[in-house]
Amino acid sequence: MAETAASSVTVPHTALAPDVLRAVIESFVLREGTDYGERELTLDDKVARVIALLERGEAKILFHPESATVDIVVRHGRDRGGGPGAPA
């Protein structure tokens, strides 16, 4: 059964220690499976793009208490590409 944002807690990225934030972002980009187009991005590039999304408020970190899991949700607008591979 899929969990909804209503059963999750938003965690400000600034509330996480830098190493924890990086681990959360790496986990997200490694399981994301996004097609990055003709140019493959390095893990550092992908992490930097997600950090930029978090800083701009275009993504948020969610903690799901029932499953004790963390996820990153990216807000997709009409004029935005998808995922961490989208132009930052």
PDB file of N, CA and C in Angstrom:
ATOM      1  N   MET A   1       0.834  -1.169   0.000  1.00  0.00           N
ATOM      2  CA  MET A   1       0.000   0.000   0.000  1.00  0.00           C
ATOM      3  C   MET A   1       0.884   1.239   0.000  1.00  0.00           C
ATOM      4  N   ALA A   2       0.647   2.175  -0.903  1.00  0.00           N
ATOM      5  CA  ALA A   2       1.464   3.373  -1.019  1.00  0.00           C
ATOM      6  C   ALA A   2       1.133   4.353   0.098  1.00  0.00           C
ATOM      7  N   GLU A   3       2.176   4.974   0.626  1.00  0.00           N
ATOM      8  CA  GLU A   3       1.968   5.979   1.657  1.00  0.00           C
ATOM      9  C   GLU A   3       1.772   7.321   0.992  1.00  0.00           C
ATOM     10  N   THR A   4       1.037   8.189   1.626  1.00  0.00           N
ATOM     11  CA  THR A   4       0.791   9.516   1.088  1.00  0.00           C
ATOM     12  C   THR A   4       1.546  10.543   1.888  1.00  0.00           C
ATOM     13  N   ALA A   5       1.626  11.756   1.344  1.00  0.00           N
ATOM     14  CA  ALA A   5       2.297  12.847   2.043  1.00  0.00           C
ATOM     15  C   ALA A   5       1.608  13.137   3.378  1.00  0.00           C
ATOM     16  N   ALA A   6       0.311  12.818   3.498  1.00  0.00           N
ATOM     17  CA  ALA A   6      -0.427  13.062   4.733  1.00  0.00           C
ATOM     18  C   ALA A   6       0.108  12.203   5.874  1.00  0.00           C
ATOM     19  N   SER A   7       0.660  11.044   5.585  1.00  0.00           N
ATOM     20  CA  SER A   7       1.184  10.167   6.628  1.00  0.00           C
ATOM     21  C   SER A   7       2.696  10.299   6.759  1.00  0.00           C
ATOM     22  N   SER A   8       3.240  11.406   6.269  1.00  0.00           N
ATOM     23  CA  SER A   8       4.680  11.611   6.332  1.00  0.00           C
ATOM     24  C   SER A   8       4.987  12.959   6.972  1.00  0.00           C
ATOM     25  N   VAL A   9       6.250  13.119   7.342  1.00  0.00           N
ATOM     26  CA  VAL A   9       6.723  14.341   7.969  1.00  0.00           C
ATOM     27  C   VAL A   9       7.769  14.963   7.051  1.00  0.00           C
ATOM     28  N   THR A  10       7.590  16.243   6.729  1.00  0.00           N
ATOM     29  CA  THR A  10       8.594  16.943   5.925  1.00  0.00           C
ATOM     30  C   THR A  10       9.784  17.285   6.817  1.00  0.00           C
ATOM     31  N   VAL A  11      10.969  16.954   6.338  1.00  0.00           N
ATOM     32  CA  VAL A  11      12.202  17.218   7.072  1.00  0.00           C
ATOM     33  C   VAL A  11      12.989  18.272   6.291  1.00  0.00           C
ATOM     34  N   PRO A  12      13.213  19.451   6.865  1.00  0.00           N
ATOM     35  CA  PRO A  12      14.009  20.455   6.164  1.00  0.00           C
ATOM     36  C   PRO A  12      15.419  19.925   5.898  1.00  0.00           C
ATOM     37  N   HIS A  13      15.901  20.114   4.674  1.00  0.00           N
ATOM     38  CA  HIS A  13      17.239  19.594   4.348  1.00  0.00           C
ATOM     39  C   HIS A  13      18.304  20.231   5.218  1.00  0.00           C
ATOM     40  N   THR A  14      18.037  21.437   5.709  1.00  0.00           N
ATOM     41  CA  THR A  14      19.001  22.132   6.559  1.00  0.00           C
ATOM     42  C   THR A  14      19.072  21.536   7.959  1.00  0.00           C
ATOM     43  N   ALA A  15      18.104  20.686   8.307  1.00  0.00           N
ATOM     44  CA  ALA A  15      18.085  20.061   9.629  1.00  0.00           C
ATOM     45  C   ALA A  15      18.960  18.809   9.693  1.00  0.00           C
ATOM     46  N   LEU A  16      19.433  18.350   8.535  1.00  0.00           N
ATOM     47  CA  LEU A  16      20.250  17.132   8.491  1.00  0.00           C
ATOM     48  C   LEU A  16      21.729  17.482   8.463  1.00  0.00           C
ATOM     49  N   ALA A  17      22.518  16.655   9.122  1.00  0.00           N
ATOM     50  CA  ALA A  17      23.979  16.804   9.048  1.00  0.00           C
ATOM     51  C   ALA A  17      24.395  16.583   7.594  1.00  0.00           C
ATOM     52  N   PRO A  18      25.452  17.264   7.133  1.00  0.00           N
ATOM     53  CA  PRO A  18      25.862  17.143   5.729  1.00  0.00           C
ATOM     54  C   PRO A  18      26.058  15.706   5.250  1.00  0.00           C
ATOM     55  N   ASP A  19      26.651  14.847   6.074  1.00  0.00           N
ATOM     56  CA  ASP A  19      26.871  13.467   5.637  1.00  0.00           C
ATOM     57  C   ASP A  19      25.565  12.681   5.553  1.00  0.00           C
ATOM     58  N   VAL A  20      24.621  12.979   6.434  1.00  0.00           N
ATOM     59  CA  VAL A  20      23.314  12.317   6.393  1.00  0.00           C
ATOM     60  C   VAL A  20      22.532  12.794   5.172  1.00  0.00           C
ATOM     61  N   LEU A  21      22.557  14.102   4.915  1.00  0.00           N
ATOM     62  CA  LEU A  21      21.879  14.655   3.743  1.00  0.00           C
ATOM     63  C   LEU A  21      22.420  14.023   2.470  1.00  0.00           C
ATOM     64  N   ARG A  22      23.727  13.921   2.364  1.00  0.00           N
ATOM     65  CA  ARG A  22      24.319  13.313   1.164  1.00  0.00           C
ATOM     66  C   ARG A  22      23.880  11.853   1.024  1.00  0.00           C
ATOM     67  N   ALA A  23      23.852  11.111   2.119  1.00  0.00           N
ATOM     68  CA  ALA A  23      23.437   9.703   2.063  1.00  0.00           C
ATOM     69  C   ALA A  23      21.986   9.582   1.600  1.00  0.00           C
ATOM     70  N   VAL A  24      21.115  10.456   2.097  1.00  0.00           N
ATOM     71  CA  VAL A  24      19.709  10.438   1.682  1.00  0.00           C
ATOM     72  C   VAL A  24      19.596  10.743   0.193  1.00  0.00           C
ATOM     73  N   ILE A  25      20.327  11.761  -0.269  1.00  0.00           N
ATOM     74  CA  ILE A  25      20.271  12.150  -1.686  1.00  0.00           C
ATOM     75  C   ILE A  25      20.864  11.051  -2.567  1.00  0.00           C
ATOM     76  N   GLU A  26      21.986  10.479  -2.163  1.00  0.00           N
ATOM     77  CA  GLU A  26      22.586   9.399  -2.957  1.00  0.00           C
ATOM     78  C   GLU A  26      21.626   8.228  -3.092  1.00  0.00           C
ATOM     79  N   SER A  27      20.978   7.870  -2.004  1.00  0.00           N
ATOM     80  CA  SER A  27      20.005   6.780  -2.061  1.00  0.00           C
ATOM     81  C   SER A  27      18.894   7.103  -3.059  1.00  0.00           C
ATOM     82  N   PHE A  28      18.434   8.331  -3.049  1.00  0.00           N
ATOM     83  CA  PHE A  28      17.381   8.765  -3.968  1.00  0.00           C
ATOM     84  C   PHE A  28      17.839   8.696  -5.422  1.00  0.00           C
ATOM     85  N   VAL A  29      19.002   9.272  -5.739  1.00  0.00           N
ATOM     86  CA  VAL A  29      19.419   9.310  -7.142  1.00  0.00           C
ATOM     87  C   VAL A  29      19.815   7.929  -7.659  1.00  0.00           C
ATOM     88  N   LEU A  30      20.293   7.066  -6.785  1.00  0.00           N
ATOM     89  CA  LEU A  30      20.679   5.732  -7.226  1.00  0.00           C
ATOM     90  C   LEU A  30      19.475   4.839  -7.508  1.00  0.00           C
ATOM     91  N   ARG A  31      18.364   5.093  -6.847  1.00  0.00           N
ATOM     92  CA  ARG A  31      17.168   4.296  -7.121  1.00  0.00           C
ATOM     93  C   ARG A  31      16.216   4.987  -8.097  1.00  0.00           C
ATOM     94  N   GLU A  32      16.467   6.239  -8.412  1.00  0.00           N
ATOM     95  CA  GLU A  32      15.584   7.033  -9.267  1.00  0.00           C
ATOM     96  C   GLU A  32      15.456   6.442 -10.664  1.00  0.00           C
ATOM     97  N   GLY A  33      16.563   5.996 -11.262  1.00  0.00           N
ATOM     98  CA  GLY A  33      16.509   5.394 -12.588  1.00  0.00           C
ATOM     99  C   GLY A  33      16.125   6.365 -13.686  1.00  0.00           C
ATOM    100  N   THR A  34      16.398   7.640 -13.490  1.00  0.00           N
ATOM    101  CA  THR A  34      16.044   8.655 -14.473  1.00  0.00           C
ATOM    102  C   THR A  34      16.977   8.596 -15.673  1.00  0.00           C
ATOM    103  N   ASP A  35      16.429   8.806 -16.854  1.00  0.00           N
ATOM    104  CA  ASP A  35      17.231   8.900 -18.073  1.00  0.00           C
ATOM    105  C   ASP A  35      17.800  10.306 -18.137  1.00  0.00           C
ATOM    106  N   TYR A  36      19.106  10.413 -18.199  1.00  0.00           N
ATOM    107  CA  TYR A  36      19.759  11.719 -18.189  1.00  0.00           C
ATOM    108  C   TYR A  36      20.096  12.220 -19.585  1.00  0.00           C
ATOM    109  N   GLY A  37      19.577  11.568 -20.607  1.00  0.00           N
ATOM    110  CA  GLY A  37      19.815  12.035 -21.967  1.00  0.00           C
ATOM    111  C   GLY A  37      21.131  11.526 -22.509  1.00  0.00           C
ATOM    112  N   GLU A  38      21.681  12.287 -23.439  1.00  0.00           N
ATOM    113  CA  GLU A  38      22.918  11.874 -24.115  1.00  0.00           C
ATOM    114  C   GLU A  38      24.125  11.891 -23.200  1.00  0.00           C
ATOM    115  N   ARG A  39      24.133  12.770 -22.223  1.00  0.00           N
ATOM    116  CA  ARG A  39      25.281  12.913 -21.334  1.00  0.00           C
ATOM    117  C   ARG A  39      24.965  12.302 -19.974  1.00  0.00           C
ATOM    118  N   GLU A  40      25.712  11.292 -19.594  1.00  0.00           N
ATOM    119  CA  GLU A  40      25.528  10.685 -18.275  1.00  0.00           C
ATOM    120  C   GLU A  40      26.190  11.590 -17.239  1.00  0.00           C
ATOM    121  N   LEU A  41      25.510  11.804 -16.132  1.00  0.00           N
ATOM    122  CA  LEU A  41      26.019  12.649 -15.064  1.00  0.00           C
ATOM    123  C   LEU A  41      26.720  11.804 -14.016  1.00  0.00           C
ATOM    124  N   THR A  42      27.712  12.397 -13.362  1.00  0.00           N
ATOM    125  CA  THR A  42      28.379  11.716 -12.260  1.00  0.00           C
ATOM    126  C   THR A  42      27.456  11.743 -11.040  1.00  0.00           C
ATOM    127  N   LEU A  43      27.754  10.907 -10.072  1.00  0.00           N
ATOM    128  CA  LEU A  43      26.983  10.899  -8.836  1.00  0.00           C
ATOM    129  C   LEU A  43      27.050  12.270  -8.166  1.00  0.00           C
ATOM    130  N   ASP A  44      28.231  12.893  -8.171  1.00  0.00           N
ATOM    131  CA  ASP A  44      28.369  14.226  -7.576  1.00  0.00           C
ATOM    132  C   ASP A  44      27.484  15.247  -8.285  1.00  0.00           C
ATOM    133  N   ASP A  45      27.397  15.169  -9.624  1.00  0.00           N
ATOM    134  CA  ASP A  45      26.532  16.079 -10.384  1.00  0.00           C
ATOM    135  C   ASP A  45      25.069  15.878  -9.996  1.00  0.00           C
ATOM    136  N   LYS A  46      24.653  14.630  -9.892  1.00  0.00           N
ATOM    137  CA  LYS A  46      23.264  14.317  -9.538  1.00  0.00           C
ATOM    138  C   LYS A  46      22.944  14.818  -8.131  1.00  0.00           C
ATOM    139  N   VAL A  47      23.856  14.602  -7.195  1.00  0.00           N
ATOM    140  CA  VAL A  47      23.662  15.069  -5.818  1.00  0.00           C
ATOM    141  C   VAL A  47      23.560  16.594  -5.798  1.00  0.00           C
ATOM    142  N   ALA A  48      24.418  17.262  -6.525  1.00  0.00           N
ATOM    143  CA  ALA A  48      24.391  18.726  -6.574  1.00  0.00           C
ATOM    144  C   ALA A  48      23.064  19.242  -7.125  1.00  0.00           C
ATOM    145  N   ARG A  49      22.538  18.564  -8.121  1.00  0.00           N
ATOM    146  CA  ARG A  49      21.256  18.988  -8.701  1.00  0.00           C
ATOM    147  C   ARG A  49      20.111  18.815  -7.714  1.00  0.00           C
ATOM    148  N   VAL A  50      20.129  17.730  -6.951  1.00  0.00           N
ATOM    149  CA  VAL A  50      19.077  17.532  -5.961  1.00  0.00           C
ATOM    150  C   VAL A  50      19.208  18.565  -4.840  1.00  0.00           C
ATOM    151  N   ILE A  51      20.418  18.867  -4.423  1.00  0.00           N
ATOM    152  CA  ILE A  51      20.623  19.910  -3.406  1.00  0.00           C
ATOM    153  C   ILE A  51      20.055  21.230  -3.906  1.00  0.00           C
ATOM    154  N   ALA A  52      20.300  21.557  -5.167  1.00  0.00           N
ATOM    155  CA  ALA A  52      19.754  22.791  -5.740  1.00  0.00           C
ATOM    156  C   ALA A  52      18.226  22.779  -5.724  1.00  0.00           C
ATOM    157  N   LEU A  53      17.634  21.636  -6.043  1.00  0.00           N
ATOM    158  CA  LEU A  53      16.168  21.520  -6.008  1.00  0.00           C
ATOM    159  C   LEU A  53      15.640  21.726  -4.588  1.00  0.00           C
ATOM    160  N   LEU A  54      16.315  21.146  -3.616  1.00  0.00           N
ATOM    161  CA  LEU A  54      15.912  21.313  -2.214  1.00  0.00           C
ATOM    162  C   LEU A  54      16.028  22.772  -1.788  1.00  0.00           C
ATOM    163  N   GLU A  55      17.119  23.414  -2.163  1.00  0.00           N
ATOM    164  CA  GLU A  55      17.339  24.810  -1.781  1.00  0.00           C
ATOM    165  C   GLU A  55      16.313  25.742  -2.417  1.00  0.00           C
ATOM    166  N   ARG A  56      15.854  25.418  -3.621  1.00  0.00           N
ATOM    167  CA  ARG A  56      14.856  26.243  -4.312  1.00  0.00           C
ATOM    168  C   ARG A  56      13.426  25.877  -3.903  1.00  0.00           C
ATOM    169  N   GLY A  57      13.269  24.872  -3.070  1.00  0.00           N
ATOM    170  CA  GLY A  57      11.941  24.462  -2.654  1.00  0.00           C
ATOM    171  C   GLY A  57      11.203  23.650  -3.703  1.00  0.00           C
ATOM    172  N   GLU A  58      11.921  23.131  -4.687  1.00  0.00           N
ATOM    173  CA  GLU A  58      11.313  22.332  -5.749  1.00  0.00           C
ATOM    174  C   GLU A  58      11.338  20.839  -5.426  1.00  0.00           C
ATOM    175  N   ALA A  59      11.911  20.506  -4.298  1.00  0.00           N
ATOM    176  CA  ALA A  59      11.935  19.125  -3.808  1.00  0.00           C
ATOM    177  C   ALA A  59      11.878  19.201  -2.293  1.00  0.00           C
ATOM    178  N   LYS A  60      11.401  18.110  -1.684  1.00  0.00           N
ATOM    179  CA  LYS A  60      11.379  18.069  -0.231  1.00  0.00           C
ATOM    180  C   LYS A  60      11.689  16.654   0.238  1.00  0.00           C
ATOM    181  N   ILE A  61      12.199  16.580   1.449  1.00  0.00           N
ATOM    182  CA  ILE A  61      12.534  15.300   2.063  1.00  0.00           C
ATOM    183  C   ILE A  61      11.367  14.903   2.963  1.00  0.00           C
ATOM    184  N   LEU A  62      10.891  13.679   2.787  1.00  0.00           N
ATOM    185  CA  LEU A  62       9.788  13.166   3.595  1.00  0.00           C
ATOM    186  C   LEU A  62      10.254  11.968   4.410  1.00  0.00           C
ATOM    187  N   PHE A  63       9.885  11.970   5.680  1.00  0.00           N
ATOM    188  CA  PHE A  63      10.114  10.822   6.551  1.00  0.00           C
ATOM    189  C   PHE A  63       8.767  10.165   6.779  1.00  0.00           C
ATOM    190  N   HIS A  64       8.707   8.855   6.575  1.00  0.00           N
ATOM    191  CA  HIS A  64       7.488   8.083   6.754  1.00  0.00           C
ATOM    192  C   HIS A  64       7.609   7.301   8.067  1.00  0.00           C
ATOM    193  N   PRO A  65       6.975   7.787   9.142  1.00  0.00           N
ATOM    194  CA  PRO A  65       7.125   7.145  10.458  1.00  0.00           C
ATOM    195  C   PRO A  65       6.691   5.686  10.493  1.00  0.00           C
ATOM    196  N   GLU A  66       5.643   5.339   9.769  1.00  0.00           N
ATOM    197  CA  GLU A  66       5.138   3.964   9.832  1.00  0.00           C
ATOM    198  C   GLU A  66       6.139   2.942   9.301  1.00  0.00           C
ATOM    199  N   SER A  67       6.903   3.335   8.270  1.00  0.00           N
ATOM    200  CA  SER A  67       7.881   2.416   7.692  1.00  0.00           C
ATOM    201  C   SER A  67       9.318   2.792   8.045  1.00  0.00           C
ATOM    202  N   ALA A  68       9.484   3.927   8.739  1.00  0.00           N
ATOM    203  CA  ALA A  68      10.804   4.448   9.099  1.00  0.00           C
ATOM    204  C   ALA A  68      11.695   4.615   7.873  1.00  0.00           C
ATOM    205  N   THR A  69      11.088   5.099   6.778  1.00  0.00           N
ATOM    206  CA  THR A  69      11.843   5.331   5.550  1.00  0.00           C
ATOM    207  C   THR A  69      11.837   6.818   5.207  1.00  0.00           C
ATOM    208  N   VAL A  70      12.808   7.182   4.376  1.00  0.00           N
ATOM    209  CA  VAL A  70      12.961   8.568   3.933  1.00  0.00           C
ATOM    210  C   VAL A  70      12.893   8.588   2.423  1.00  0.00           C
ATOM    211  N   ASP A  71      12.269   9.616   1.880  1.00  0.00           N
ATOM    212  CA  ASP A  71      12.185   9.768   0.434  1.00  0.00           C
ATOM    213  C   ASP A  71      12.334  11.236   0.082  1.00  0.00           C
ATOM    214  N   ILE A  72      12.655  11.488  -1.166  1.00  0.00           N
ATOM    215  CA  ILE A  72      12.695  12.849  -1.692  1.00  0.00           C
ATOM    216  C   ILE A  72      11.632  12.931  -2.766  1.00  0.00           C
ATOM    217  N   VAL A  73      10.813  13.960  -2.676  1.00  0.00           N
ATOM    218  CA  VAL A  73       9.748  14.172  -3.644  1.00  0.00           C
ATOM    219  C   VAL A  73      10.072  15.435  -4.416  1.00  0.00           C
ATOM    220  N   VAL A  74      10.117  15.303  -5.749  1.00  0.00           N
ATOM    221  CA  VAL A  74      10.408  16.444  -6.615  1.00  0.00           C
ATOM    222  C   VAL A  74       9.098  16.945  -7.192  1.00  0.00           C
ATOM    223  N   ARG A  75       8.881  18.236  -7.057  1.00  0.00           N
ATOM    224  CA  ARG A  75       7.689  18.860  -7.626  1.00  0.00           C
ATOM    225  C   ARG A  75       7.943  19.094  -9.112  1.00  0.00           C
ATOM    226  N   HIS A  76       7.063  18.567  -9.945  1.00  0.00           N
ATOM    227  CA  HIS A  76       7.202  18.717 -11.385  1.00  0.00           C
ATOM    228  C   HIS A  76       6.208  19.748 -11.879  1.00  0.00           C
ATOM    229  N   GLY A  77       6.723  20.825 -12.457  1.00  0.00           N
ATOM    230  CA  GLY A  77       5.863  21.839 -13.052  1.00  0.00           C
ATOM    231  C   GLY A  77       5.835  21.682 -14.547  1.00  0.00           C
ATOM    232  N   ARG A  78       4.966  22.430 -15.202  1.00  0.00           N
ATOM    233  CA  ARG A  78       4.852  22.342 -16.663  1.00  0.00           C
ATOM    234  C   ARG A  78       6.158  22.715 -17.352  1.00  0.00           C
ATOM    235  N   ASP A  79       6.893  23.681 -16.791  1.00  0.00           N
ATOM    236  CA  ASP A  79       8.102  24.167 -17.449  1.00  0.00           C
ATOM    237  C   ASP A  79       9.369  23.512 -16.930  1.00  0.00           C
ATOM    238  N   ARG A  80       9.237  22.471 -16.103  1.00  0.00           N
ATOM    239  CA  ARG A  80      10.414  21.816 -15.537  1.00  0.00           C
ATOM    240  C   ARG A  80      10.575  20.431 -16.126  1.00  0.00           C
ATOM    241  N   GLY A  81      11.830  20.035 -16.233  1.00  0.00           N
ATOM    242  CA  GLY A  81      12.120  18.659 -16.627  1.00  0.00           C
ATOM    243  C   GLY A  81      11.956  17.790 -15.412  1.00  0.00           C
ATOM    244  N   GLY A  82      12.250  16.519 -15.543  1.00  0.00           N
ATOM    245  CA  GLY A  82      12.038  15.619 -14.420  1.00  0.00           C
ATOM    246  C   GLY A  82      13.302  15.237 -13.709  1.00  0.00           C
ATOM    247  N   GLY A  83      13.171  14.966 -12.463  1.00  0.00           N
ATOM    248  CA  GLY A  83      14.195  14.344 -11.640  1.00  0.00           C
ATOM    249  C   GLY A  83      15.488  15.100 -11.473  1.00  0.00           C
ATOM    250  N   PRO A  84      16.438  14.467 -10.828  1.00  0.00           N
ATOM    251  CA  PRO A  84      17.695  15.119 -10.520  1.00  0.00           C
ATOM    252  C   PRO A  84      18.560  15.381 -11.746  1.00  0.00           C
ATOM    253  N   GLY A  85      18.240  14.798 -12.876  1.00  0.00           N
ATOM    254  CA  GLY A  85      19.015  15.042 -14.085  1.00  0.00           C
ATOM    255  C   GLY A  85      18.549  16.258 -14.858  1.00  0.00           C
ATOM    256  N   ALA A  86      17.454  16.850 -14.408  1.00  0.00           N
ATOM    257  CA  ALA A  86      16.937  18.032 -15.104  1.00  0.00           C
ATOM    258  C   ALA A  86      17.865  19.208 -14.866  1.00  0.00           C
ATOM    259  N   PRO A  87      17.903  20.158 -15.786  1.00  0.00           N
ATOM    260  CA  PRO A  87      18.773  21.323 -15.595  1.00  0.00           C
ATOM    261  C   PRO A  87      18.487  22.019 -14.278  1.00  0.00           C
ATOM    262  N   ALA A  88      19.537  22.320 -13.552  1.00  0.00           N
ATOM    263  CA  ALA A  88      19.376  22.963 -12.242  1.00  0.00           C
ATOM    264  C   ALA A  88      19.386  24.466 -12.373  1.00  0.00           C
TER     265      ALA A  88
END
